[in-house]
Amino acid sequence: MGRFGEDVAAAYLEEDAMTVLERNWRCREGELDIVAMDGDAVVFVEVKTRRGDAFGSPAEAVTVAKARRLRRLAARWLSEQSWSVDEVRLDVVGVVVTDDTAYVEHFVGVL
């Protein structure tokens, strides 16, 4: 389910003129779901997928602790790059999957 949601999110971002640089980037401290470019901004995207919204929207699953960890992972990813970045953004993409449809909510710069 999580992989499907990430596939949906990556396709959505690319349709929105973003360029996906990496998916499932891992280091010792954790994982970044998607790293993308949106114009001159590097965007770190956390993807949350659910089979429905009975327990709230997928984006509500991103806790304060998770947001802190994403910031640390983003800093680590940036430190490993050989180019400089002018703008950095942390987004959340929520994917709700029903029987035959995936609904996407993109929250820009929320973390």
PDB file of N, CA and C in Angstrom:
ATOM      1  N   MET A   1       0.826  -1.197   0.000  1.00  0.00           N
ATOM      2  CA  MET A   1       0.000   0.000   0.000  1.00  0.00           C
ATOM      3  C   MET A   1       0.867   1.257   0.000  1.00  0.00           C
ATOM      4  N   GLY A   2       1.900   1.274   0.848  1.00  0.00           N
ATOM      5  CA  GLY A   2       2.770   2.445   0.921  1.00  0.00           C
ATOM      6  C   GLY A   2       3.487   2.717  -0.391  1.00  0.00           C
ATOM      7  N   ARG A   3       3.972   1.676  -1.023  1.00  0.00           N
ATOM      8  CA  ARG A   3       4.668   1.814  -2.311  1.00  0.00           C
ATOM      9  C   ARG A   3       3.715   2.356  -3.372  1.00  0.00           C
ATOM     10  N   PHE A   4       2.481   1.843  -3.392  1.00  0.00           N
ATOM     11  CA  PHE A   4       1.485   2.335  -4.340  1.00  0.00           C
ATOM     12  C   PHE A   4       1.236   3.823  -4.124  1.00  0.00           C
ATOM     13  N   GLY A   5       1.082   4.231  -2.860  1.00  0.00           N
ATOM     14  CA  GLY A   5       0.862   5.644  -2.548  1.00  0.00           C
ATOM     15  C   GLY A   5       2.026   6.510  -2.997  1.00  0.00           C
ATOM     16  N   GLU A   6       3.248   6.015  -2.822  1.00  0.00           N
ATOM     17  CA  GLU A   6       4.417   6.775  -3.277  1.00  0.00           C
ATOM     18  C   GLU A   6       4.458   6.875  -4.797  1.00  0.00           C
ATOM     19  N   ASP A   7       4.051   5.802  -5.492  1.00  0.00           N
ATOM     20  CA  ASP A   7       3.976   5.856  -6.954  1.00  0.00           C
ATOM     21  C   ASP A   7       2.958   6.902  -7.404  1.00  0.00           C
ATOM     22  N   VAL A   8       1.797   6.911  -6.755  1.00  0.00           N
ATOM     23  CA  VAL A   8       0.753   7.890  -7.069  1.00  0.00           C
ATOM     24  C   VAL A   8       1.256   9.301  -6.788  1.00  0.00           C
ATOM     25  N   ALA A   9       1.898   9.497  -5.639  1.00  0.00           N
ATOM     26  CA  ALA A   9       2.403  10.821  -5.262  1.00  0.00           C
ATOM     27  C   ALA A   9       3.464  11.302  -6.245  1.00  0.00           C
ATOM     28  N   ALA A  10       4.392  10.429  -6.633  1.00  0.00           N
ATOM     29  CA  ALA A  10       5.447  10.818  -7.575  1.00  0.00           C
ATOM     30  C   ALA A  10       4.847  11.219  -8.914  1.00  0.00           C
ATOM     31  N   ALA A  11       3.879  10.456  -9.404  1.00  0.00           N
ATOM     32  CA  ALA A  11       3.223  10.791 -10.671  1.00  0.00           C
ATOM     33  C   ALA A  11       2.490  12.127 -10.561  1.00  0.00           C
ATOM     34  N   TYR A  12       1.819  12.349  -9.434  1.00  0.00           N
ATOM     35  CA  TYR A  12       1.106  13.609  -9.203  1.00  0.00           C
ATOM     36  C   TYR A  12       2.077  14.793  -9.228  1.00  0.00           C
ATOM     37  N   LEU A  13       3.192  14.661  -8.533  1.00  0.00           N
ATOM     38  CA  LEU A  13       4.172  15.750  -8.476  1.00  0.00           C
ATOM     39  C   LEU A  13       4.752  16.034  -9.860  1.00  0.00           C
ATOM     40  N   GLU A  14       5.032  14.981 -10.628  1.00  0.00           N
ATOM     41  CA  GLU A  14       5.577  15.175 -11.968  1.00  0.00           C
ATOM     42  C   GLU A  14       4.549  15.826 -12.883  1.00  0.00           C
ATOM     43  N   GLU A  15       3.279  15.487 -12.730  1.00  0.00           N
ATOM     44  CA  GLU A  15       2.220  16.144 -13.501  1.00  0.00           C
ATOM     45  C   GLU A  15       2.104  17.617 -13.128  1.00  0.00           C
ATOM     46  N   ASP A  16       2.524  17.947 -11.911  1.00  0.00           N
ATOM     47  CA  ASP A  16       2.484  19.329 -11.422  1.00  0.00           C
ATOM     48  C   ASP A  16       3.800  20.050 -11.725  1.00  0.00           C
ATOM     49  N   ALA A  17       4.557  19.539 -12.697  1.00  0.00           N
ATOM     50  CA  ALA A  17       5.799  20.152 -13.198  1.00  0.00           C
ATOM     51  C   ALA A  17       6.970  20.089 -12.223  1.00  0.00           C
ATOM     52  N   MET A  18       6.915  19.187 -11.270  1.00  0.00           N
ATOM     53  CA  MET A  18       8.055  18.974 -10.390  1.00  0.00           C
ATOM     54  C   MET A  18       8.902  17.840 -10.967  1.00  0.00           C
ATOM     55  N   THR A  19      10.196  17.843 -10.630  1.00  0.00           N
ATOM     56  CA  THR A  19      11.102  16.788 -11.078  1.00  0.00           C
ATOM     57  C   THR A  19      11.508  15.954  -9.876  1.00  0.00           C
ATOM     58  N   VAL A  20      11.199  14.676  -9.924  1.00  0.00           N
ATOM     59  CA  VAL A  20      11.577  13.777  -8.830  1.00  0.00           C
ATOM     60  C   VAL A  20      13.052  13.429  -8.985  1.00  0.00           C
ATOM     61  N   LEU A  21      13.834  13.763  -7.961  1.00  0.00           N
ATOM     62  CA  LEU A  21      15.271  13.475  -7.968  1.00  0.00           C
ATOM     63  C   LEU A  21      15.578  12.107  -7.373  1.00  0.00           C
ATOM     64  N   GLU A  22      14.902  11.788  -6.284  1.00  0.00           N
ATOM     65  CA  GLU A  22      15.152  10.521  -5.594  1.00  0.00           C
ATOM     66  C   GLU A  22      13.870  10.041  -4.944  1.00  0.00           C
ATOM     67  N   ARG A  23      13.792   8.715  -4.812  1.00  0.00           N
ATOM     68  CA  ARG A  23      12.698   8.102  -4.066  1.00  0.00           C
ATOM     69  C   ARG A  23      13.307   7.126  -3.064  1.00  0.00           C
ATOM     70  N   ASN A  24      12.734   7.119  -1.880  1.00  0.00           N
ATOM     71  CA  ASN A  24      13.168   6.207  -0.810  1.00  0.00           C
ATOM     72  C   ASN A  24      14.654   6.330  -0.503  1.00  0.00           C
ATOM     73  N   TRP A  25      15.128   7.561  -0.394  1.00  0.00           N
ATOM     74  CA  TRP A  25      16.528   7.799  -0.008  1.00  0.00           C
ATOM     75  C   TRP A  25      16.690   7.408   1.455  1.00  0.00           C
ATOM     76  N   ARG A  26      17.689   6.594   1.712  1.00  0.00           N
ATOM     77  CA  ARG A  26      17.891   6.094   3.071  1.00  0.00           C
ATOM     78  C   ARG A  26      19.280   6.433   3.597  1.00  0.00           C
ATOM     79  N   CYS A  27      19.313   6.625   4.894  1.00  0.00           N
ATOM     80  CA  CYS A  27      20.574   6.730   5.621  1.00  0.00           C
ATOM     81  C   CYS A  27      20.336   6.070   6.976  1.00  0.00           C
ATOM     82  N   ARG A  28      21.328   6.120   7.811  1.00  0.00           N
ATOM     83  CA  ARG A  28      21.217   5.481   9.130  1.00  0.00           C
ATOM     84  C   ARG A  28      20.062   6.023   9.963  1.00  0.00           C
ATOM     85  N   GLU A  29      19.751   7.307   9.804  1.00  0.00           N
ATOM     86  CA  GLU A  29      18.732   7.948  10.636  1.00  0.00           C
ATOM     87  C   GLU A  29      17.301   7.740  10.146  1.00  0.00           C
ATOM     88  N   GLY A  30      17.140   7.264   8.900  1.00  0.00           N
ATOM     89  CA  GLY A  30      15.775   7.089   8.406  1.00  0.00           C
ATOM     90  C   GLY A  30      15.682   7.175   6.897  1.00  0.00           C
ATOM     91  N   GLU A  31      14.494   7.527   6.429  1.00  0.00           N
ATOM     92  CA  GLU A  31      14.217   7.527   4.999  1.00  0.00           C
ATOM     93  C   GLU A  31      13.410   8.756   4.588  1.00  0.00           C
ATOM     94  N   LEU A  32      13.755   9.292   3.424  1.00  0.00           N
ATOM     95  CA  LEU A  32      12.964  10.337   2.779  1.00  0.00           C
ATOM     96  C   LEU A  32      12.175   9.674   1.658  1.00  0.00           C
ATOM     97  N   ASP A  33      10.865   9.895   1.635  1.00  0.00           N
ATOM     98  CA  ASP A  33      10.037   9.248   0.618  1.00  0.00           C
ATOM     99  C   ASP A  33      10.360   9.760  -0.782  1.00  0.00           C
ATOM    100  N   ILE A  34      10.316  11.081  -0.948  1.00  0.00           N
ATOM    101  CA  ILE A  34      10.578  11.689  -2.257  1.00  0.00           C
ATOM    102  C   ILE A  34      11.387  12.965  -2.064  1.00  0.00           C
ATOM    103  N   VAL A  35      12.401  13.137  -2.903  1.00  0.00           N
ATOM    104  CA  VAL A  35      13.144  14.396  -2.996  1.00  0.00           C
ATOM    105  C   VAL A  35      12.904  14.894  -4.410  1.00  0.00           C
ATOM    106  N   ALA A  36      12.434  16.134  -4.534  1.00  0.00           N
ATOM    107  CA  ALA A  36      12.068  16.665  -5.848  1.00  0.00           C
ATOM    108  C   ALA A  36      12.534  18.106  -5.997  1.00  0.00           C
ATOM    109  N   MET A  37      12.501  18.582  -7.219  1.00  0.00           N
ATOM    110  CA  MET A  37      12.763  19.991  -7.511  1.00  0.00           C
ATOM    111  C   MET A  37      11.453  20.622  -7.972  1.00  0.00           C
ATOM    112  N   ASP A  38      11.181  21.795  -7.437  1.00  0.00           N
ATOM    113  CA  ASP A  38      10.038  22.600  -7.859  1.00  0.00           C
ATOM    114  C   ASP A  38      10.592  23.964  -8.209  1.00  0.00           C
ATOM    115  N   GLY A  39      10.918  24.171  -9.477  1.00  0.00           N
ATOM    116  CA  GLY A  39      11.638  25.373  -9.871  1.00  0.00           C
ATOM    117  C   GLY A  39      13.031  25.314  -9.282  1.00  0.00           C
ATOM    118  N   ASP A  40      13.387  26.324  -8.472  1.00  0.00           N
ATOM    119  CA  ASP A  40      14.696  26.364  -7.823  1.00  0.00           C
ATOM    120  C   ASP A  40      14.688  25.749  -6.424  1.00  0.00           C
ATOM    121  N   ALA A  41      13.549  25.292  -5.977  1.00  0.00           N
ATOM    122  CA  ALA A  41      13.419  24.761  -4.614  1.00  0.00           C
ATOM    123  C   ALA A  41      13.614  23.252  -4.593  1.00  0.00           C
ATOM    124  N   VAL A  42      14.373  22.792  -3.604  1.00  0.00           N
ATOM    125  CA  VAL A  42      14.449  21.362  -3.332  1.00  0.00           C
ATOM    126  C   VAL A  42      13.319  21.055  -2.353  1.00  0.00           C
ATOM    127  N   VAL A  43      12.524  20.065  -2.693  1.00  0.00           N
ATOM    128  CA  VAL A  43      11.338  19.738  -1.898  1.00  0.00           C
ATOM    129  C   VAL A  43      11.467  18.313  -1.359  1.00  0.00           C
ATOM    130  N   PHE A  44      11.339  18.187  -0.054  1.00  0.00           N
ATOM    131  CA  PHE A  44      11.339  16.891   0.608  1.00  0.00           C
ATOM    132  C   PHE A  44       9.885  16.561   0.903  1.00  0.00           C
ATOM    133  N   VAL A  45       9.423  15.439   0.364  1.00  0.00           N
ATOM    134  CA  VAL A  45       8.005  15.099   0.419  1.00  0.00           C
ATOM    135  C   VAL A  45       7.792  13.845   1.261  1.00  0.00           C
ATOM    136  N   GLU A  46       6.985  13.985   2.288  1.00  0.00           N
ATOM    137  CA  GLU A  46       6.549  12.848   3.086  1.00  0.00           C
ATOM    138  C   GLU A  46       5.212  12.379   2.517  1.00  0.00           C
ATOM    139  N   VAL A  47       5.108  11.102   2.204  1.00  0.00           N
ATOM    140  CA  VAL A  47       3.895  10.540   1.620  1.00  0.00           C
ATOM    141  C   VAL A  47       3.210   9.652   2.654  1.00  0.00           C
ATOM    142  N   LYS A  48       1.931   9.884   2.855  1.00  0.00           N
ATOM    143  CA  LYS A  48       1.122   9.054   3.752  1.00  0.00           C
ATOM    144  C   LYS A  48      -0.064   8.517   2.961  1.00  0.00           C
ATOM    145  N   THR A  49      -0.270   7.205   3.033  1.00  0.00           N
ATOM    146  CA  THR A  49      -1.322   6.548   2.270  1.00  0.00           C
ATOM    147  C   THR A  49      -2.264   5.817   3.215  1.00  0.00           C
ATOM    148  N   ARG A  50      -3.559   5.930   2.933  1.00  0.00           N
ATOM    149  CA  ARG A  50      -4.583   5.246   3.732  1.00  0.00           C
ATOM    150  C   ARG A  50      -5.634   4.652   2.801  1.00  0.00           C
ATOM    151  N   ARG A  51      -6.344   3.636   3.286  1.00  0.00           N
ATOM    152  CA  ARG A  51      -7.434   3.014   2.521  1.00  0.00           C
ATOM    153  C   ARG A  51      -8.758   3.745   2.713  1.00  0.00           C
ATOM    154  N   GLY A  52      -8.776   4.755   3.452  1.00  0.00           N
ATOM    155  CA  GLY A  52      -9.993   5.532   3.682  1.00  0.00           C
ATOM    156  C   GLY A  52      -9.667   6.636   4.667  1.00  0.00           C
ATOM    157  N   ASP A  53     -10.665   7.416   5.009  1.00  0.00           N
ATOM    158  CA  ASP A  53     -10.412   8.512   5.941  1.00  0.00           C
ATOM    159  C   ASP A  53     -11.149   8.319   7.266  1.00  0.00           C
ATOM    160  N   ALA A  54     -11.487   7.084   7.599  1.00  0.00           N
ATOM    161  CA  ALA A  54     -12.194   6.805   8.848  1.00  0.00           C
ATOM    162  C   ALA A  54     -11.388   7.224  10.072  1.00  0.00           C
ATOM    163  N   PHE A  55     -10.064   7.212   9.944  1.00  0.00           N
ATOM    164  CA  PHE A  55      -9.207   7.593  11.069  1.00  0.00           C
ATOM    165  C   PHE A  55      -8.532   8.931  10.829  1.00  0.00           C
ATOM    166  N   GLY A  56      -9.148   9.777  10.014  1.00  0.00           N
ATOM    167  CA  GLY A  56      -8.584  11.078   9.691  1.00  0.00           C
ATOM    168  C   GLY A  56      -7.847  11.041   8.373  1.00  0.00           C
ATOM    169  N   SER A  57      -7.427  12.202   7.935  1.00  0.00           N
ATOM    170  CA  SER A  57      -6.710  12.279   6.658  1.00  0.00           C
ATOM    171  C   SER A  57      -5.302  11.699   6.827  1.00  0.00           C
ATOM    172  N   PRO A  58      -4.722  11.208   5.746  1.00  0.00           N
ATOM    173  CA  PRO A  58      -3.365  10.656   5.847  1.00  0.00           C
ATOM    174  C   PRO A  58      -2.357  11.680   6.382  1.00  0.00           C
ATOM    175  N   ALA A  59      -2.501  12.927   5.993  1.00  0.00           N
ATOM    176  CA  ALA A  59      -1.550  13.958   6.412  1.00  0.00           C
ATOM    177  C   ALA A  59      -1.547  14.158   7.924  1.00  0.00           C
ATOM    178  N   GLU A  60      -2.656  13.856   8.573  1.00  0.00           N
ATOM    179  CA  GLU A  60      -2.727  14.000  10.024  1.00  0.00           C
ATOM    180  C   GLU A  60      -1.815  13.012  10.753  1.00  0.00           C
ATOM    181  N   ALA A  61      -1.324  12.013  10.037  1.00  0.00           N
ATOM    182  CA  ALA A  61      -0.425  11.025  10.633  1.00  0.00           C
ATOM    183  C   ALA A  61       1.007  11.538  10.773  1.00  0.00           C
ATOM    184  N   VAL A  62       1.283  12.726  10.248  1.00  0.00           N
ATOM    185  CA  VAL A  62       2.620  13.303  10.375  1.00  0.00           C
ATOM    186  C   VAL A  62       2.680  14.057  11.705  1.00  0.00           C
ATOM    187  N   THR A  63       3.355  13.466  12.659  1.00  0.00           N
ATOM    188  CA  THR A  63       3.449  14.022  14.005  1.00  0.00           C
ATOM    189  C   THR A  63       4.576  15.051  14.093  1.00  0.00           C
ATOM    190  N   VAL A  64       4.644  15.739  15.201  1.00  0.00           N
ATOM    191  CA  VAL A  64       5.726  16.694  15.450  1.00  0.00           C
ATOM    192  C   VAL A  64       7.070  15.970  15.432  1.00  0.00           C
ATOM    193  N   ALA A  65       7.122  14.803  16.039  1.00  0.00           N
ATOM    194  CA  ALA A  65       8.373  14.022  16.063  1.00  0.00           C
ATOM    195  C   ALA A  65       8.784  13.632  14.643  1.00  0.00           C
ATOM    196  N   LYS A  66       7.823  13.239  13.822  1.00  0.00           N
ATOM    197  CA  LYS A  66       8.119  12.869  12.433  1.00  0.00           C
ATOM    198  C   LYS A  66       8.615  14.091  11.661  1.00  0.00           C
ATOM    199  N   ALA A  67       8.021  15.240  11.886  1.00  0.00           N
ATOM    200  CA  ALA A  67       8.450  16.470  11.214  1.00  0.00           C
ATOM    201  C   ALA A  67       9.891  16.816  11.587  1.00  0.00           C
ATOM    202  N   ARG A  68      10.243  16.665  12.865  1.00  0.00           N
ATOM    203  CA  ARG A  68      11.624  16.924  13.294  1.00  0.00           C
ATOM    204  C   ARG A  68      12.590  15.980  12.594  1.00  0.00           C
ATOM    205  N   ARG A  69      12.209  14.707  12.518  1.00  0.00           N
ATOM    206  CA  ARG A  69      13.073  13.727  11.870  1.00  0.00           C
ATOM    207  C   ARG A  69      13.237  14.041  10.381  1.00  0.00           C
ATOM    208  N   LEU A  70      12.173  14.466   9.734  1.00  0.00           N
ATOM    209  CA  LEU A  70      12.258  14.828   8.316  1.00  0.00           C
ATOM    210  C   LEU A  70      13.199  16.013   8.104  1.00  0.00           C
ATOM    211  N   ARG A  71      13.161  16.970   8.997  1.00  0.00           N
ATOM    212  CA  ARG A  71      14.085  18.122   8.896  1.00  0.00           C
ATOM    213  C   ARG A  71      15.531  17.659   9.021  1.00  0.00           C
ATOM    214  N   ARG A  72      15.801  16.770   9.965  1.00  0.00           N
ATOM    215  CA  ARG A  72      17.163  16.240  10.120  1.00  0.00           C
ATOM    216  C   ARG A  72      17.603  15.462   8.885  1.00  0.00           C
ATOM    217  N   LEU A  73      16.709  14.638   8.347  1.00  0.00           N
ATOM    218  CA  LEU A  73      17.034  13.872   7.148  1.00  0.00           C
ATOM    219  C   LEU A  73      17.265  14.786   5.949  1.00  0.00           C
ATOM    220  N   ALA A  74      16.466  15.835   5.826  1.00  0.00           N
ATOM    221  CA  ALA A  74      16.644  16.788   4.731  1.00  0.00           C
ATOM    222  C   ALA A  74      18.008  17.466   4.838  1.00  0.00           C
ATOM    223  N   ALA A  75      18.381  17.854   6.041  1.00  0.00           N
ATOM    224  CA  ALA A  75      19.696  18.483   6.246  1.00  0.00           C
ATOM    225  C   ALA A  75      20.807  17.514   5.882  1.00  0.00           C
ATOM    226  N   ARG A  76      20.647  16.261   6.233  1.00  0.00           N
ATOM    227  CA  ARG A  76      21.655  15.245   5.896  1.00  0.00           C
ATOM    228  C   ARG A  76      21.768  15.074   4.384  1.00  0.00           C
ATOM    229  N   TRP A  77      20.623  14.972   3.711  1.00  0.00           N
ATOM    230  CA  TRP A  77      20.620  14.823   2.251  1.00  0.00           C
ATOM    231  C   TRP A  77      21.312  16.017   1.604  1.00  0.00           C
ATOM    232  N   LEU A  78      20.973  17.218   2.064  1.00  0.00           N
ATOM    233  CA  LEU A  78      21.580  18.427   1.497  1.00  0.00           C
ATOM    234  C   LEU A  78      23.085  18.464   1.725  1.00  0.00           C
ATOM    235  N   SER A  79      23.534  17.998   2.881  1.00  0.00           N
ATOM    236  CA  SER A  79      24.966  18.022   3.185  1.00  0.00           C
ATOM    237  C   SER A  79      25.756  17.080   2.275  1.00  0.00           C
ATOM    238  N   GLU A  80      25.089  16.089   1.710  1.00  0.00           N
ATOM    239  CA  GLU A  80      25.761  15.133   0.834  1.00  0.00           C
ATOM    240  C   GLU A  80      25.777  15.561  -0.639  1.00  0.00           C
ATOM    241  N   GLN A  81      25.159  16.692  -0.942  1.00  0.00           N
ATOM    242  CA  GLN A  81      25.106  17.146  -2.329  1.00  0.00           C
ATOM    243  C   GLN A  81      26.292  18.057  -2.638  1.00  0.00           C
ATOM    244  N   SER A  82      26.687  18.058  -3.893  1.00  0.00           N
ATOM    245  CA  SER A  82      27.829  18.889  -4.302  1.00  0.00           C
ATOM    246  C   SER A  82      27.388  20.219  -4.906  1.00  0.00           C
ATOM    247  N   TRP A  83      26.128  20.546  -4.801  1.00  0.00           N
ATOM    248  CA  TRP A  83      25.629  21.803  -5.334  1.00  0.00           C
ATOM    249  C   TRP A  83      24.872  22.546  -4.252  1.00  0.00           C
ATOM    250  N   SER A  84      24.769  23.839  -4.412  1.00  0.00           N
ATOM    251  CA  SER A  84      24.103  24.651  -3.390  1.00  0.00           C
ATOM    252  C   SER A  84      22.627  24.825  -3.741  1.00  0.00           C
ATOM    253  N   VAL A  85      21.860  25.104  -2.717  1.00  0.00           N
ATOM    254  CA  VAL A  85      20.415  25.219  -2.854  1.00  0.00           C
ATOM    255  C   VAL A  85      19.981  26.565  -2.299  1.00  0.00           C
ATOM    256  N   ASP A  86      19.106  27.240  -3.034  1.00  0.00           N
ATOM    257  CA  ASP A  86      18.601  28.532  -2.572  1.00  0.00           C
ATOM    258  C   ASP A  86      17.361  28.402  -1.692  1.00  0.00           C
ATOM    259  N   GLU A  87      16.510  27.428  -2.013  1.00  0.00           N
ATOM    260  CA  GLU A  87      15.250  27.285  -1.283  1.00  0.00           C
ATOM    261  C   GLU A  87      15.011  25.812  -0.963  1.00  0.00           C
ATOM    262  N   VAL A  88      14.537  25.564   0.255  1.00  0.00           N
ATOM    263  CA  VAL A  88      14.217  24.210   0.697  1.00  0.00           C
ATOM    264  C   VAL A  88      12.793  24.230   1.236  1.00  0.00           C
ATOM    265  N   ARG A  89      12.065  23.164   0.925  1.00  0.00           N
ATOM    266  CA  ARG A  89      10.674  23.097   1.362  1.00  0.00           C
ATOM    267  C   ARG A  89      10.353  21.674   1.798  1.00  0.00           C
ATOM    268  N   LEU A  90       9.481  21.546   2.791  1.00  0.00           N
ATOM    269  CA  LEU A  90       9.003  20.245   3.248  1.00  0.00           C
ATOM    270  C   LEU A  90       7.498  20.177   3.000  1.00  0.00           C
ATOM    271  N   ASP A  91       7.088  19.221   2.164  1.00  0.00           N
ATOM    272  CA  ASP A  91       5.687  19.049   1.810  1.00  0.00           C
ATOM    273  C   ASP A  91       5.182  17.708   2.329  1.00  0.00           C
ATOM    274  N   VAL A  92       3.866  17.583   2.394  1.00  0.00           N
ATOM    275  CA  VAL A  92       3.215  16.311   2.700  1.00  0.00           C
ATOM    276  C   VAL A  92       2.220  16.019   1.587  1.00  0.00           C
ATOM    277  N   VAL A  93       2.246  14.785   1.100  1.00  0.00           N
ATOM    278  CA  VAL A  93       1.240  14.335   0.138  1.00  0.00           C
ATOM    279  C   VAL A  93       0.465  13.210   0.798  1.00  0.00           C
ATOM    280  N   GLY A  94      -0.836  13.413   0.915  1.00  0.00           N
ATOM    281  CA  GLY A  94      -1.721  12.388   1.442  1.00  0.00           C
ATOM    282  C   GLY A  94      -2.439  11.695   0.295  1.00  0.00           C
ATOM    283  N   VAL A  95      -2.461  10.369   0.328  1.00  0.00           N
ATOM    284  CA  VAL A  95      -3.137   9.591  -0.709  1.00  0.00           C
ATOM    285  C   VAL A  95      -4.185   8.723  -0.022  1.00  0.00           C
ATOM    286  N   VAL A  96      -5.430   8.879  -0.454  1.00  0.00           N
ATOM    287  CA  VAL A  96      -6.519   8.044   0.050  1.00  0.00           C
ATOM    288  C   VAL A  96      -6.949   7.135  -1.098  1.00  0.00           C
ATOM    289  N   VAL A  97      -6.871   5.834  -0.848  1.00  0.00           N
ATOM    290  CA  VAL A  97      -7.203   4.852  -1.867  1.00  0.00           C
ATOM    291  C   VAL A  97      -8.569   4.255  -1.563  1.00  0.00           C
ATOM    292  N   THR A  98      -9.459   4.337  -2.562  1.00  0.00           N
ATOM    293  CA  THR A  98     -10.746   3.660  -2.451  1.00  0.00           C
ATOM    294  C   THR A  98     -10.708   2.473  -3.412  1.00  0.00           C
ATOM    295  N   ASP A  99     -11.832   1.860  -3.651  1.00  0.00           N
ATOM    296  CA  ASP A  99     -11.866   0.655  -4.494  1.00  0.00           C
ATOM    297  C   ASP A  99     -11.188   0.849  -5.844  1.00  0.00           C
ATOM    298  N   ASP A 100     -11.466   1.954  -6.502  1.00  0.00           N
ATOM    299  CA  ASP A 100     -10.949   2.124  -7.858  1.00  0.00           C
ATOM    300  C   ASP A 100     -10.280   3.476  -8.104  1.00  0.00           C
ATOM    301  N   THR A 101     -10.078   4.253  -7.067  1.00  0.00           N
ATOM    302  CA  THR A 101      -9.547   5.600  -7.241  1.00  0.00           C
ATOM    303  C   THR A 101      -8.574   5.950  -6.119  1.00  0.00           C
ATOM    304  N   ALA A 102      -7.570   6.760  -6.472  1.00  0.00           N
ATOM    305  CA  ALA A 102      -6.655   7.309  -5.471  1.00  0.00           C
ATOM    306  C   ALA A 102      -6.836   8.832  -5.466  1.00  0.00           C
ATOM    307  N   TYR A 103      -7.149   9.371  -4.319  1.00  0.00           N
ATOM    308  CA  TYR A 103      -7.310  10.811  -4.154  1.00  0.00           C
ATOM    309  C   TYR A 103      -6.048  11.376  -3.524  1.00  0.00           C
ATOM    310  N   VAL A 104      -5.578  12.504  -4.054  1.00  0.00           N
ATOM    311  CA  VAL A 104      -4.314  13.084  -3.605  1.00  0.00           C
ATOM    312  C   VAL A 104      -4.561  14.477  -3.029  1.00  0.00           C
ATOM    313  N   GLU A 105      -3.968  14.719  -1.862  1.00  0.00           N
ATOM    314  CA  GLU A 105      -3.935  16.065  -1.260  1.00  0.00           C
ATOM    315  C   GLU A 105      -2.460  16.433  -1.107  1.00  0.00           C
ATOM    316  N   HIS A 106      -2.087  17.598  -1.627  1.00  0.00           N
ATOM    317  CA  HIS A 106      -0.700  18.057  -1.550  1.00  0.00           C
ATOM    318  C   HIS A 106      -0.657  19.296  -0.653  1.00  0.00           C
ATOM    319  N   PHE A 107       0.055  19.170   0.450  1.00  0.00           N
ATOM    320  CA  PHE A 107       0.202  20.276   1.395  1.00  0.00           C
ATOM    321  C   PHE A 107       1.611  20.845   1.205  1.00  0.00           C
ATOM    322  N   VAL A 108       1.684  22.061   0.721  1.00  0.00           N
ATOM    323  CA  VAL A 108       2.954  22.686   0.339  1.00  0.00           C
ATOM    324  C   VAL A 108       3.551  23.453   1.519  1.00  0.00           C
ATOM    325  N   GLY A 109       4.815  23.140   1.829  1.00  0.00           N
ATOM    326  CA  GLY A 109       5.557  23.887   2.840  1.00  0.00           C
ATOM    327  C   GLY A 109       4.964  23.827   4.226  1.00  0.00           C
ATOM    328  N   VAL A 110       4.385  22.706   4.610  1.00  0.00           N
ATOM    329  CA  VAL A 110       3.694  22.633   5.896  1.00  0.00           C
ATOM    330  C   VAL A 110       4.555  22.204   7.062  1.00  0.00           C
ATOM    331  N   LEU A 111       5.755  21.718   6.805  1.00  0.00           N
ATOM    332  CA  LEU A 111       6.594  21.239   7.911  1.00  0.00           C
ATOM    333  C   LEU A 111       7.786  22.147   8.116  1.00  0.00           C
TER     334      LEU A 111
END
